[in-house]
Amino acid sequence: MMSPAKTVKKAKQPPLDFEIKIGPPKLTRFEKARIVGARSLQIAMGAPAFVPIEGAYKGPIDTAMMEMEADALPISIRRSLPNGITQDIPIRALAK
């Protein structure tokens, strides 16, 4: 059984006036799948969880999904256009 992280740091909140210039104002299903897949791999390799695990441990995928629902992941999405313009968007700035 995995124990929750000893110290949970809160990531910086994006500024309230953060403007999403590239793509939709929400997390796409492909971005969600990529984030959950990458984070579940980290958890499976021994990384501590960012949320407390209550009850029975269900596995790294469920833990990664719980972290995403709890806005506990300090991850940014990089969106790019064909002309080379990119924007890094914190997932907290994207609507659920």
PDB file of N, CA and C in Angstrom:
ATOM      1  N   MET A   1       0.833  -1.180   0.000  1.00  0.00           N
ATOM      2  CA  MET A   1       0.000   0.000   0.000  1.00  0.00           C
ATOM      3  C   MET A   1       0.875   1.239   0.000  1.00  0.00           C
ATOM      4  N   MET A   2       0.515   2.198  -0.834  1.00  0.00           N
ATOM      5  CA  MET A   2       1.298   3.426  -0.936  1.00  0.00           C
ATOM      6  C   MET A   2       0.810   4.431   0.099  1.00  0.00           C
ATOM      7  N   SER A   3       1.731   5.162   0.650  1.00  0.00           N
ATOM      8  CA  SER A   3       1.342   6.199   1.601  1.00  0.00           C
ATOM      9  C   SER A   3       1.298   7.537   0.880  1.00  0.00           C
ATOM     10  N   PRO A   4       0.442   8.447   1.323  1.00  0.00           N
ATOM     11  CA  PRO A   4       0.376   9.752   0.680  1.00  0.00           C
ATOM     12  C   PRO A   4       1.646  10.545   0.950  1.00  0.00           C
ATOM     13  N   ALA A   5       1.863  11.539   0.141  1.00  0.00           N
ATOM     14  CA  ALA A   5       3.052  12.374   0.282  1.00  0.00           C
ATOM     15  C   ALA A   5       3.075  13.024   1.668  1.00  0.00           C
ATOM     16  N   LYS A   6       4.264  13.127   2.227  1.00  0.00           N
ATOM     17  CA  LYS A   6       4.414  13.695   3.557  1.00  0.00           C
ATOM     18  C   LYS A   6       4.044  15.181   3.562  1.00  0.00           C
ATOM     19  N   THR A   7       4.600  15.910   2.607  1.00  0.00           N
ATOM     20  CA  THR A   7       4.287  17.331   2.502  1.00  0.00           C
ATOM     21  C   THR A   7       3.688  17.589   1.130  1.00  0.00           C
ATOM     22  N   VAL A   8       2.544  18.172   1.124  1.00  0.00           N
ATOM     23  CA  VAL A   8       1.875  18.479  -0.132  1.00  0.00           C
ATOM     24  C   VAL A   8       1.996  19.978  -0.354  1.00  0.00           C
ATOM     25  N   LYS A   9       2.700  20.350  -1.426  1.00  0.00           N
ATOM     26  CA  LYS A   9       2.878  21.754  -1.749  1.00  0.00           C
ATOM     27  C   LYS A   9       1.774  22.186  -2.699  1.00  0.00           C
ATOM     28  N   LYS A  10       1.269  23.356  -2.479  1.00  0.00           N
ATOM     29  CA  LYS A  10       0.284  23.923  -3.386  1.00  0.00           C
ATOM     30  C   LYS A  10       1.039  24.627  -4.500  1.00  0.00           C
ATOM     31  N   ALA A  11       0.685  24.303  -5.742  1.00  0.00           N
ATOM     32  CA  ALA A  11       1.306  24.965  -6.878  1.00  0.00           C
ATOM     33  C   ALA A  11       0.770  26.380  -6.991  1.00  0.00           C
ATOM     34  N   LYS A  12       1.516  27.237  -7.664  1.00  0.00           N
ATOM     35  CA  LYS A  12       1.069  28.600  -7.861  1.00  0.00           C
ATOM     36  C   LYS A  12      -0.190  28.606  -8.715  1.00  0.00           C
ATOM     37  N   GLN A  13      -1.116  29.436  -8.341  1.00  0.00           N
ATOM     38  CA  GLN A  13      -2.331  29.598  -9.126  1.00  0.00           C
ATOM     39  C   GLN A  13      -2.005  30.485 -10.326  1.00  0.00           C
ATOM     40  N   PRO A  14      -2.606  30.199 -11.507  1.00  0.00           N
ATOM     41  CA  PRO A  14      -2.387  31.089 -12.640  1.00  0.00           C
ATOM     42  C   PRO A  14      -3.054  32.432 -12.368  1.00  0.00           C
ATOM     43  N   PRO A  15      -2.542  33.480 -12.970  1.00  0.00           N
ATOM     44  CA  PRO A  15      -3.167  34.785 -12.758  1.00  0.00           C
ATOM     45  C   PRO A  15      -4.635  34.760 -13.168  1.00  0.00           C
ATOM     46  N   LEU A  16      -5.438  35.574 -12.503  1.00  0.00           N
ATOM     47  CA  LEU A  16      -6.862  35.595 -12.797  1.00  0.00           C
ATOM     48  C   LEU A  16      -7.148  36.095 -14.211  1.00  0.00           C
ATOM     49  N   ASP A  17      -6.251  36.902 -14.761  1.00  0.00           N
ATOM     50  CA  ASP A  17      -6.467  37.427 -16.098  1.00  0.00           C
ATOM     51  C   ASP A  17      -5.731  36.615 -17.170  1.00  0.00           C
ATOM     52  N   PHE A  18      -5.456  35.344 -16.887  1.00  0.00           N
ATOM     53  CA  PHE A  18      -4.746  34.486 -17.840  1.00  0.00           C
ATOM     54  C   PHE A  18      -5.630  34.266 -19.058  1.00  0.00           C
ATOM     55  N   GLU A  19      -5.097  34.547 -20.236  1.00  0.00           N
ATOM     56  CA  GLU A  19      -5.877  34.434 -21.468  1.00  0.00           C
ATOM     57  C   GLU A  19      -5.380  33.244 -22.281  1.00  0.00           C
ATOM     58  N   ILE A  20      -6.302  32.379 -22.639  1.00  0.00           N
ATOM     59  CA  ILE A  20      -5.981  31.228 -23.478  1.00  0.00           C
ATOM     60  C   ILE A  20      -6.135  31.666 -24.933  1.00  0.00           C
ATOM     61  N   LYS A  21      -5.011  31.715 -25.640  1.00  0.00           N
ATOM     62  CA  LYS A  21      -5.016  32.209 -27.017  1.00  0.00           C
ATOM     63  C   LYS A  21      -5.079  31.090 -28.040  1.00  0.00           C
ATOM     64  N   ILE A  22      -4.652  29.895 -27.647  1.00  0.00           N
ATOM     65  CA  ILE A  22      -4.586  28.779 -28.588  1.00  0.00           C
ATOM     66  C   ILE A  22      -5.494  27.664 -28.088  1.00  0.00           C
ATOM     67  N   GLY A  23      -6.394  27.213 -28.932  1.00  0.00           N
ATOM     68  CA  GLY A  23      -7.236  26.072 -28.614  1.00  0.00           C
ATOM     69  C   GLY A  23      -8.444  26.424 -27.774  1.00  0.00           C
ATOM     70  N   PRO A  24      -9.209  25.394 -27.417  1.00  0.00           N
ATOM     71  CA  PRO A  24     -10.433  25.624 -26.636  1.00  0.00           C
ATOM     72  C   PRO A  24     -10.103  26.007 -25.190  1.00  0.00           C
ATOM     73  N   PRO A  25     -11.060  26.637 -24.508  1.00  0.00           N
ATOM     74  CA  PRO A  25     -10.809  27.058 -23.125  1.00  0.00           C
ATOM     75  C   PRO A  25     -10.966  25.935 -22.103  1.00  0.00           C
ATOM     76  N   LYS A  26     -10.989  24.703 -22.549  1.00  0.00           N
ATOM     77  CA  LYS A  26     -11.084  23.575 -21.630  1.00  0.00           C
ATOM     78  C   LYS A  26     -10.075  22.505 -22.032  1.00  0.00           C
ATOM     79  N   LEU A  27      -9.853  21.577 -21.131  1.00  0.00           N
ATOM     80  CA  LEU A  27      -8.935  20.473 -21.365  1.00  0.00           C
ATOM     81  C   LEU A  27      -9.584  19.488 -22.326  1.00  0.00           C
ATOM     82  N   THR A  28      -8.901  19.151 -23.419  1.00  0.00           N
ATOM     83  CA  THR A  28      -9.475  18.216 -24.383  1.00  0.00           C
ATOM     84  C   THR A  28      -9.327  16.784 -23.878  1.00  0.00           C
ATOM     85  N   ARG A  29     -10.063  15.872 -24.464  1.00  0.00           N
ATOM     86  CA  ARG A  29      -9.989  14.477 -24.025  1.00  0.00           C
ATOM     87  C   ARG A  29      -8.608  13.884 -24.301  1.00  0.00           C
ATOM     88  N   PHE A  30      -7.931  14.377 -25.322  1.00  0.00           N
ATOM     89  CA  PHE A  30      -6.595  13.881 -25.631  1.00  0.00           C
ATOM     90  C   PHE A  30      -5.573  14.373 -24.610  1.00  0.00           C
ATOM     91  N   GLU A  31      -5.725  15.614 -24.176  1.00  0.00           N
ATOM     92  CA  GLU A  31      -4.842  16.154 -23.149  1.00  0.00           C
ATOM     93  C   GLU A  31      -5.078  15.458 -21.820  1.00  0.00           C
ATOM     94  N   LYS A  32      -6.340  15.187 -21.485  1.00  0.00           N
ATOM     95  CA  LYS A  32      -6.645  14.455 -20.254  1.00  0.00           C
ATOM     96  C   LYS A  32      -5.996  13.069 -20.275  1.00  0.00           C
ATOM     97  N   ALA A  33      -6.133  12.381 -21.407  1.00  0.00           N
ATOM     98  CA  ALA A  33      -5.558  11.033 -21.522  1.00  0.00           C
ATOM     99  C   ALA A  33      -4.042  11.068 -21.388  1.00  0.00           C
ATOM    100  N   ARG A  34      -3.413  12.056 -21.974  1.00  0.00           N
ATOM    101  CA  ARG A  34      -1.957  12.166 -21.902  1.00  0.00           C
ATOM    102  C   ARG A  34      -1.497  12.452 -20.475  1.00  0.00           C
ATOM    103  N   ILE A  35      -2.210  13.345 -19.782  1.00  0.00           N
ATOM    104  CA  ILE A  35      -1.840  13.702 -18.411  1.00  0.00           C
ATOM    105  C   ILE A  35      -2.031  12.512 -17.479  1.00  0.00           C
ATOM    106  N   VAL A  36      -3.182  11.841 -17.568  1.00  0.00           N
ATOM    107  CA  VAL A  36      -3.451  10.697 -16.689  1.00  0.00           C
ATOM    108  C   VAL A  36      -2.454   9.572 -16.978  1.00  0.00           C
ATOM    109  N   GLY A  37      -2.141   9.335 -18.243  1.00  0.00           N
ATOM    110  CA  GLY A  37      -1.186   8.281 -18.597  1.00  0.00           C
ATOM    111  C   GLY A  37       0.208   8.562 -18.071  1.00  0.00           C
ATOM    112  N   ALA A  38       0.676   9.787 -18.263  1.00  0.00           N
ATOM    113  CA  ALA A  38       2.022  10.141 -17.803  1.00  0.00           C
ATOM    114  C   ALA A  38       2.109  10.114 -16.278  1.00  0.00           C
ATOM    115  N   ARG A  39       1.092  10.648 -15.619  1.00  0.00           N
ATOM    116  CA  ARG A  39       1.117  10.687 -14.151  1.00  0.00           C
ATOM    117  C   ARG A  39       0.967   9.296 -13.547  1.00  0.00           C
ATOM    118  N   SER A  40       0.131   8.447 -14.161  1.00  0.00           N
ATOM    119  CA  SER A  40      -0.013   7.090 -13.624  1.00  0.00           C
ATOM    120  C   SER A  40       1.284   6.297 -13.789  1.00  0.00           C
ATOM    121  N   LEU A  41       2.025   6.556 -14.841  1.00  0.00           N
ATOM    122  CA  LEU A  41       3.332   5.908 -15.002  1.00  0.00           C
ATOM    123  C   LEU A  41       4.287   6.350 -13.896  1.00  0.00           C
ATOM    124  N   GLN A  42       4.276   7.650 -13.582  1.00  0.00           N
ATOM    125  CA  GLN A  42       5.120   8.151 -12.496  1.00  0.00           C
ATOM    126  C   GLN A  42       4.750   7.492 -11.172  1.00  0.00           C
ATOM    127  N   ILE A  43       3.448   7.386 -10.903  1.00  0.00           N
ATOM    128  CA  ILE A  43       2.993   6.780  -9.647  1.00  0.00           C
ATOM    129  C   ILE A  43       3.377   5.306  -9.595  1.00  0.00           C
ATOM    130  N   ALA A  44       3.245   4.608 -10.729  1.00  0.00           N
ATOM    131  CA  ALA A  44       3.604   3.193 -10.782  1.00  0.00           C
ATOM    132  C   ALA A  44       5.104   2.976 -10.556  1.00  0.00           C
ATOM    133  N   MET A  45       5.910   3.977 -10.920  1.00  0.00           N
ATOM    134  CA  MET A  45       7.356   3.866 -10.731  1.00  0.00           C
ATOM    135  C   MET A  45       7.802   4.327  -9.342  1.00  0.00           C
ATOM    136  N   GLY A  46       6.844   4.722  -8.475  1.00  0.00           N
ATOM    137  CA  GLY A  46       7.190   5.026  -7.099  1.00  0.00           C
ATOM    138  C   GLY A  46       7.068   6.476  -6.688  1.00  0.00           C
ATOM    139  N   ALA A  47       6.558   7.344  -7.546  1.00  0.00           N
ATOM    140  CA  ALA A  47       6.398   8.751  -7.174  1.00  0.00           C
ATOM    141  C   ALA A  47       5.292   8.874  -6.127  1.00  0.00           C
ATOM    142  N   PRO A  48       5.450   9.791  -5.185  1.00  0.00           N
ATOM    143  CA  PRO A  48       4.405   9.963  -4.169  1.00  0.00           C
ATOM    144  C   PRO A  48       3.162  10.610  -4.768  1.00  0.00           C
ATOM    145  N   ALA A  49       2.024  10.302  -4.203  1.00  0.00           N
ATOM    146  CA  ALA A  49       0.758  10.873  -4.670  1.00  0.00           C
ATOM    147  C   ALA A  49       0.593  12.285  -4.127  1.00  0.00           C
ATOM    148  N   PHE A  50      -0.088  13.150  -4.885  1.00  0.00           N
ATOM    149  CA  PHE A  50      -0.349  14.514  -4.459  1.00  0.00           C
ATOM    150  C   PHE A  50      -1.644  14.629  -3.657  1.00  0.00           C
ATOM    151  N   VAL A  51      -2.409  13.561  -3.579  1.00  0.00           N
ATOM    152  CA  VAL A  51      -3.648  13.551  -2.800  1.00  0.00           C
ATOM    153  C   VAL A  51      -3.579  12.396  -1.811  1.00  0.00           C
ATOM    154  N   PRO A  52      -4.225  12.532  -0.664  1.00  0.00           N
ATOM    155  CA  PRO A  52      -4.240  11.408   0.282  1.00  0.00           C
ATOM    156  C   PRO A  52      -5.082  10.266  -0.274  1.00  0.00           C
ATOM    157  N   ILE A  53      -4.596   9.052  -0.102  1.00  0.00           N
ATOM    158  CA  ILE A  53      -5.297   7.869  -0.595  1.00  0.00           C
ATOM    159  C   ILE A  53      -6.119   7.308   0.556  1.00  0.00           C
ATOM    160  N   GLU A  54      -7.422   7.344   0.377  1.00  0.00           N
ATOM    161  CA  GLU A  54      -8.325   6.871   1.417  1.00  0.00           C
ATOM    162  C   GLU A  54      -8.882   5.524   1.022  1.00  0.00           C
ATOM    163  N   GLY A  55      -9.015   4.650   1.994  1.00  0.00           N
ATOM    164  CA  GLY A  55      -9.561   3.326   1.717  1.00  0.00           C
ATOM    165  C   GLY A  55      -8.529   2.440   1.036  1.00  0.00           C
ATOM    166  N   ALA A  56      -9.032   1.477   0.286  1.00  0.00           N
ATOM    167  CA  ALA A  56      -8.150   0.536  -0.403  1.00  0.00           C
ATOM    168  C   ALA A  56      -7.495   1.209  -1.613  1.00  0.00           C
ATOM    169  N   TYR A  57      -6.246   0.851  -1.853  1.00  0.00           N
ATOM    170  CA  TYR A  57      -5.515   1.369  -3.008  1.00  0.00           C
ATOM    171  C   TYR A  57      -6.060   0.719  -4.266  1.00  0.00           C
ATOM    172  N   LYS A  58      -6.460   1.514  -5.245  1.00  0.00           N
ATOM    173  CA  LYS A  58      -7.088   0.985  -6.458  1.00  0.00           C
ATOM    174  C   LYS A  58      -6.157   0.943  -7.652  1.00  0.00           C
ATOM    175  N   GLY A  59      -5.020   1.568  -7.580  1.00  0.00           N
ATOM    176  CA  GLY A  59      -4.071   1.520  -8.670  1.00  0.00           C
ATOM    177  C   GLY A  59      -3.624   2.904  -9.106  1.00  0.00           C
ATOM    178  N   PRO A  60      -2.581   2.960  -9.948  1.00  0.00           N
ATOM    179  CA  PRO A  60      -2.016   4.250 -10.339  1.00  0.00           C
ATOM    180  C   PRO A  60      -2.938   5.080 -11.234  1.00  0.00           C
ATOM    181  N   ILE A  61      -3.746   4.440 -12.068  1.00  0.00           N
ATOM    182  CA  ILE A  61      -4.624   5.199 -12.963  1.00  0.00           C
ATOM    183  C   ILE A  61      -5.702   5.912 -12.157  1.00  0.00           C
ATOM    184  N   ASP A  62      -6.314   5.213 -11.214  1.00  0.00           N
ATOM    185  CA  ASP A  62      -7.337   5.844 -10.378  1.00  0.00           C
ATOM    186  C   ASP A  62      -6.735   6.960  -9.515  1.00  0.00           C
ATOM    187  N   THR A  63      -5.521   6.753  -9.045  1.00  0.00           N
ATOM    188  CA  THR A  63      -4.857   7.785  -8.244  1.00  0.00           C
ATOM    189  C   THR A  63      -4.587   9.020  -9.091  1.00  0.00           C
ATOM    190  N   ALA A  64      -4.120   8.826 -10.331  1.00  0.00           N
ATOM    191  CA  ALA A  64      -3.860   9.955 -11.231  1.00  0.00           C
ATOM    192  C   ALA A  64      -5.156  10.693 -11.563  1.00  0.00           C
ATOM    193  N   MET A  65      -6.249   9.964 -11.727  1.00  0.00           N
ATOM    194  CA  MET A  65      -7.529  10.605 -12.005  1.00  0.00           C
ATOM    195  C   MET A  65      -8.024  11.394 -10.789  1.00  0.00           C
ATOM    196  N   MET A  66      -7.792  10.853  -9.580  1.00  0.00           N
ATOM    197  CA  MET A  66      -8.165  11.578  -8.359  1.00  0.00           C
ATOM    198  C   MET A  66      -7.355  12.870  -8.242  1.00  0.00           C
ATOM    199  N   GLU A  67      -6.073  12.813  -8.588  1.00  0.00           N
ATOM    200  CA  GLU A  67      -5.227  14.003  -8.540  1.00  0.00           C
ATOM    201  C   GLU A  67      -5.725  15.060  -9.524  1.00  0.00           C
ATOM    202  N   MET A  68      -6.125  14.626 -10.707  1.00  0.00           N
ATOM    203  CA  MET A  68      -6.608  15.571 -11.708  1.00  0.00           C
ATOM    204  C   MET A  68      -7.924  16.215 -11.259  1.00  0.00           C
ATOM    205  N   GLU A  69      -8.827  15.423 -10.690  1.00  0.00           N
ATOM    206  CA  GLU A  69     -10.103  15.961 -10.220  1.00  0.00           C
ATOM    207  C   GLU A  69      -9.920  16.931  -9.059  1.00  0.00           C
ATOM    208  N   ALA A  70      -8.891  16.706  -8.251  1.00  0.00           N
ATOM    209  CA  ALA A  70      -8.635  17.553  -7.094  1.00  0.00           C
ATOM    210  C   ALA A  70      -7.778  18.777  -7.431  1.00  0.00           C
ATOM    211  N   ASP A  71      -7.438  18.978  -8.690  1.00  0.00           N
ATOM    212  CA  ASP A  71      -6.562  20.081  -9.128  1.00  0.00           C
ATOM    213  C   ASP A  71      -5.240  20.091  -8.370  1.00  0.00           C
ATOM    214  N   ALA A  72      -4.673  18.911  -8.156  1.00  0.00           N
ATOM    215  CA  ALA A  72      -3.436  18.803  -7.390  1.00  0.00           C
ATOM    216  C   ALA A  72      -2.203  18.669  -8.275  1.00  0.00           C
ATOM    217  N   LEU A  73      -2.376  18.665  -9.592  1.00  0.00           N
ATOM    218  CA  LEU A  73      -1.241  18.450 -10.485  1.00  0.00           C
ATOM    219  C   LEU A  73      -0.637  19.773 -10.943  1.00  0.00           C
ATOM    220  N   PRO A  74       0.648  19.968 -10.710  1.00  0.00           N
ATOM    221  CA  PRO A  74       1.321  21.184 -11.177  1.00  0.00           C
ATOM    222  C   PRO A  74       1.844  21.001 -12.605  1.00  0.00           C
ATOM    223  N   ILE A  75       0.939  20.838 -13.538  1.00  0.00           N
ATOM    224  CA  ILE A  75       1.308  20.527 -14.924  1.00  0.00           C
ATOM    225  C   ILE A  75       0.771  21.613 -15.841  1.00  0.00           C
ATOM    226  N   SER A  76       1.531  21.909 -16.901  1.00  0.00           N
ATOM    227  CA  SER A  76       1.092  22.847 -17.927  1.00  0.00           C
ATOM    228  C   SER A  76       0.965  22.113 -19.251  1.00  0.00           C
ATOM    229  N   ILE A  77       0.035  22.566 -20.060  1.00  0.00           N
ATOM    230  CA  ILE A  77      -0.174  22.027 -21.401  1.00  0.00           C
ATOM    231  C   ILE A  77       0.479  22.977 -22.387  1.00  0.00           C
ATOM    232  N   ARG A  78       1.265  22.461 -23.310  1.00  0.00           N
ATOM    233  CA  ARG A  78       1.854  23.291 -24.361  1.00  0.00           C
ATOM    234  C   ARG A  78       1.059  23.081 -25.633  1.00  0.00           C
ATOM    235  N   ARG A  79       0.393  24.125 -26.063  1.00  0.00           N
ATOM    236  CA  ARG A  79      -0.366  24.094 -27.308  1.00  0.00           C
ATOM    237  C   ARG A  79       0.395  24.890 -28.347  1.00  0.00           C
ATOM    238  N   SER A  80       0.385  24.402 -29.575  1.00  0.00           N
ATOM    239  CA  SER A  80       1.134  25.078 -30.631  1.00  0.00           C
ATOM    240  C   SER A  80       0.299  25.173 -31.900  1.00  0.00           C
ATOM    241  N   LEU A  81       0.664  26.143 -32.715  1.00  0.00           N
ATOM    242  CA  LEU A  81       0.040  26.354 -34.012  1.00  0.00           C
ATOM    243  C   LEU A  81       1.020  25.951 -35.105  1.00  0.00           C
ATOM    244  N   PRO A  82       0.541  25.700 -36.327  1.00  0.00           N
ATOM    245  CA  PRO A  82       1.441  25.310 -37.413  1.00  0.00           C
ATOM    246  C   PRO A  82       2.514  26.349 -37.745  1.00  0.00           C
ATOM    247  N   ASN A  83       2.270  27.624 -37.446  1.00  0.00           N
ATOM    248  CA  ASN A  83       3.273  28.652 -37.746  1.00  0.00           C
ATOM    249  C   ASN A  83       4.358  28.747 -36.672  1.00  0.00           C
ATOM    250  N   GLY A  84       4.294  27.896 -35.659  1.00  0.00           N
ATOM    251  CA  GLY A  84       5.339  27.841 -34.644  1.00  0.00           C
ATOM    252  C   GLY A  84       5.036  28.569 -33.358  1.00  0.00           C
ATOM    253  N   ILE A  85       3.922  29.260 -33.275  1.00  0.00           N
ATOM    254  CA  ILE A  85       3.548  29.960 -32.046  1.00  0.00           C
ATOM    255  C   ILE A  85       3.085  28.929 -31.021  1.00  0.00           C
ATOM    256  N   THR A  86       3.602  29.046 -29.788  1.00  0.00           N
ATOM    257  CA  THR A  86       3.211  28.121 -28.728  1.00  0.00           C
ATOM    258  C   THR A  86       2.713  28.899 -27.523  1.00  0.00           C
ATOM    259  N   GLN A  87       1.948  28.216 -26.693  1.00  0.00           N
ATOM    260  CA  GLN A  87       1.477  28.794 -25.433  1.00  0.00           C
ATOM    261  C   GLN A  87       1.467  27.699 -24.392  1.00  0.00           C
ATOM    262  N   ASP A  88       2.060  27.977 -23.239  1.00  0.00           N
ATOM    263  CA  ASP A  88       2.021  27.060 -22.103  1.00  0.00           C
ATOM    264  C   ASP A  88       0.848  27.471 -21.220  1.00  0.00           C
ATOM    265  N   ILE A  89      -0.082  26.529 -20.998  1.00  0.00           N
ATOM    266  CA  ILE A  89      -1.289  26.817 -20.240  1.00  0.00           C
ATOM    267  C   ILE A  89      -1.325  25.912 -19.015  1.00  0.00           C
ATOM    268  N   PRO A  90      -1.338  26.472 -17.804  1.00  0.00           N
ATOM    269  CA  PRO A  90      -1.491  25.633 -16.616  1.00  0.00           C
ATOM    270  C   PRO A  90      -2.865  24.980 -16.629  1.00  0.00           C
ATOM    271  N   ILE A  91      -2.954  23.708 -16.207  1.00  0.00           N
ATOM    272  CA  ILE A  91      -4.244  23.034 -16.286  1.00  0.00           C
ATOM    273  C   ILE A  91      -5.265  23.650 -15.337  1.00  0.00           C
ATOM    274  N   ARG A  92      -4.813  24.397 -14.337  1.00  0.00           N
ATOM    275  CA  ARG A  92      -5.759  25.070 -13.446  1.00  0.00           C
ATOM    276  C   ARG A  92      -6.490  26.206 -14.168  1.00  0.00           C
ATOM    277  N   ALA A  93      -5.903  26.734 -15.249  1.00  0.00           N
ATOM    278  CA  ALA A  93      -6.545  27.815 -15.993  1.00  0.00           C
ATOM    279  C   ALA A  93      -7.595  27.301 -16.959  1.00  0.00           C
ATOM    280  N   LEU A  94      -7.606  25.998 -17.194  1.00  0.00           N
ATOM    281  CA  LEU A  94      -8.559  25.408 -18.123  1.00  0.00           C
ATOM    282  C   LEU A  94      -9.815  24.973 -17.376  1.00  0.00           C
ATOM    283  N   ALA A  95     -10.973  25.270 -17.932  1.00  0.00           N
ATOM    284  CA  ALA A  95     -12.244  24.883 -17.319  1.00  0.00           C
ATOM    285  C   ALA A  95     -12.390  23.370 -17.353  1.00  0.00           C
ATOM    286  N   LYS A  96     -13.093  22.830 -16.386  1.00  0.00           N
ATOM    287  CA  LYS A  96     -13.288  21.379 -16.325  1.00  0.00           C
ATOM    288  C   LYS A  96     -14.305  20.920 -17.307  1.00  0.00           C
TER     289      LYS A  96
END
